[in-house]
Amino acid sequence: MAAKYVFVTGGVVSGLGKGITAASLGRLLKCRGLSVSVKKLDP
């Protein structure tokens, strides 16, 4: 299966919201049997 990517973006102030969103989405995908890898990119 080809790799698929999900990007979670937002402003500087919404750092907590992005983290919770990414973690929750990763957990849901993992529960469905998918392989999940989280990468944090800072400019």
N, C-alpha and C. Protein backbone atom coordinates (compact mmCIF):
# COMPACT_ATOMS: atom_id res chain seq x y z
N MET A 1 0.84 -1.17 0.00
CA MET A 1 0.00 0.00 0.00
C MET A 1 0.89 1.24 0.00
N ALA A 2 0.50 2.24 -0.76
CA ALA A 2 1.27 3.48 -0.84
C ALA A 2 1.12 4.29 0.45
N ALA A 3 2.16 5.03 0.78
CA ALA A 3 2.12 5.87 1.98
C ALA A 3 1.16 7.03 1.77
N LYS A 4 0.48 7.40 2.83
CA LYS A 4 -0.43 8.55 2.81
C LYS A 4 -0.03 9.47 3.94
N TYR A 5 -0.21 10.76 3.74
CA TYR A 5 0.23 11.75 4.71
C TYR A 5 -0.93 12.62 5.15
N VAL A 6 -0.91 13.00 6.43
CA VAL A 6 -1.89 13.94 6.98
C VAL A 6 -1.09 15.08 7.61
N PHE A 7 -1.37 16.30 7.21
CA PHE A 7 -0.70 17.47 7.78
C PHE A 7 -1.68 18.22 8.67
N VAL A 8 -1.25 18.53 9.89
CA VAL A 8 -2.05 19.33 10.81
C VAL A 8 -1.35 20.68 10.93
N THR A 9 -2.01 21.74 10.49
CA THR A 9 -1.39 23.07 10.50
C THR A 9 -2.25 24.04 11.30
N GLY A 10 -1.67 25.16 11.63
CA GLY A 10 -2.40 26.19 12.37
C GLY A 10 -1.46 27.29 12.79
N GLY A 11 -2.00 28.26 13.49
CA GLY A 11 -1.20 29.39 13.94
C GLY A 11 -0.30 29.04 15.12
N VAL A 12 0.49 30.01 15.52
CA VAL A 12 1.45 29.83 16.62
C VAL A 12 0.73 29.58 17.94
N VAL A 13 -0.36 30.26 18.18
CA VAL A 13 -1.07 30.19 19.45
C VAL A 13 -1.79 28.86 19.63
N SER A 14 -2.16 28.20 18.55
CA SER A 14 -2.96 26.98 18.64
C SER A 14 -2.10 25.73 18.73
N GLY A 15 -0.92 25.82 19.33
CA GLY A 15 -0.02 24.67 19.44
C GLY A 15 -0.63 23.51 20.19
N LEU A 16 -1.33 23.79 21.28
CA LEU A 16 -1.94 22.72 22.07
C LEU A 16 -3.04 22.02 21.28
N GLY A 17 -3.84 22.79 20.56
CA GLY A 17 -4.92 22.21 19.76
C GLY A 17 -4.39 21.31 18.66
N LYS A 18 -3.29 21.70 18.04
CA LYS A 18 -2.70 20.89 16.97
C LYS A 18 -2.17 19.58 17.53
N GLY A 19 -1.54 19.64 18.70
CA GLY A 19 -0.99 18.44 19.31
C GLY A 19 -2.07 17.44 19.68
N ILE A 20 -3.14 17.93 20.28
CA ILE A 20 -4.25 17.06 20.66
C ILE A 20 -4.91 16.47 19.43
N THR A 21 -5.09 17.28 18.40
CA THR A 21 -5.70 16.80 17.15
C THR A 21 -4.84 15.72 16.50
N ALA A 22 -3.54 15.97 16.41
CA ALA A 22 -2.64 15.00 15.77
C ALA A 22 -2.59 13.70 16.57
N ALA A 23 -2.52 13.81 17.90
CA ALA A 23 -2.46 12.62 18.74
C ALA A 23 -3.75 11.80 18.66
N SER A 24 -4.88 12.48 18.68
CA SER A 24 -6.17 11.79 18.60
C SER A 24 -6.35 11.11 17.26
N LEU A 25 -6.00 11.81 16.20
CA LEU A 25 -6.12 11.23 14.86
C LEU A 25 -5.19 10.04 14.70
N GLY A 26 -3.97 10.16 15.20
CA GLY A 26 -3.03 9.05 15.14
C GLY A 26 -3.53 7.84 15.89
N ARG A 27 -4.11 8.07 17.06
CA ARG A 27 -4.65 6.97 17.87
C ARG A 27 -5.80 6.27 17.15
N LEU A 28 -6.69 7.04 16.55
CA LEU A 28 -7.82 6.45 15.82
C LEU A 28 -7.34 5.62 14.64
N LEU A 29 -6.37 6.13 13.90
CA LEU A 29 -5.84 5.39 12.76
C LEU A 29 -5.14 4.12 13.21
N LYS A 30 -4.41 4.20 14.32
CA LYS A 30 -3.71 3.03 14.84
C LYS A 30 -4.70 1.96 15.31
N CYS A 31 -5.80 2.38 15.91
CA CYS A 31 -6.84 1.44 16.34
C CYS A 31 -7.48 0.72 15.15
N ARG A 32 -7.41 1.34 13.97
CA ARG A 32 -7.94 0.71 12.76
C ARG A 32 -6.92 -0.19 12.09
N GLY A 33 -5.75 -0.35 12.72
CA GLY A 33 -4.74 -1.26 12.20
C GLY A 33 -3.73 -0.64 11.26
N LEU A 34 -3.73 0.67 11.15
CA LEU A 34 -2.78 1.35 10.27
C LEU A 34 -1.49 1.67 11.02
N SER A 35 -0.41 1.76 10.28
CA SER A 35 0.87 2.15 10.85
C SER A 35 0.93 3.68 10.89
N VAL A 36 1.25 4.23 12.07
CA VAL A 36 1.25 5.68 12.25
C VAL A 36 2.62 6.14 12.74
N SER A 37 3.11 7.21 12.14
CA SER A 37 4.37 7.83 12.57
C SER A 37 4.15 9.34 12.62
N VAL A 38 4.47 9.95 13.75
CA VAL A 38 4.25 11.39 13.93
C VAL A 38 5.59 12.11 13.78
N LYS A 39 5.59 13.16 12.99
CA LYS A 39 6.78 14.00 12.80
C LYS A 39 6.39 15.44 13.09
N LYS A 40 7.21 16.13 13.87
CA LYS A 40 6.97 17.54 14.16
C LYS A 40 8.01 18.36 13.39
N LEU A 41 7.52 19.31 12.63
CA LEU A 41 8.41 20.16 11.82
C LEU A 41 8.27 21.60 12.29
N ASP A 42 9.38 22.21 12.69
CA ASP A 42 9.39 23.61 13.08
C ASP A 42 10.20 24.40 12.07
N PRO A 43 9.63 25.53 11.60
CA PRO A 43 10.36 26.33 10.61
C PRO A 43 11.57 27.04 11.22
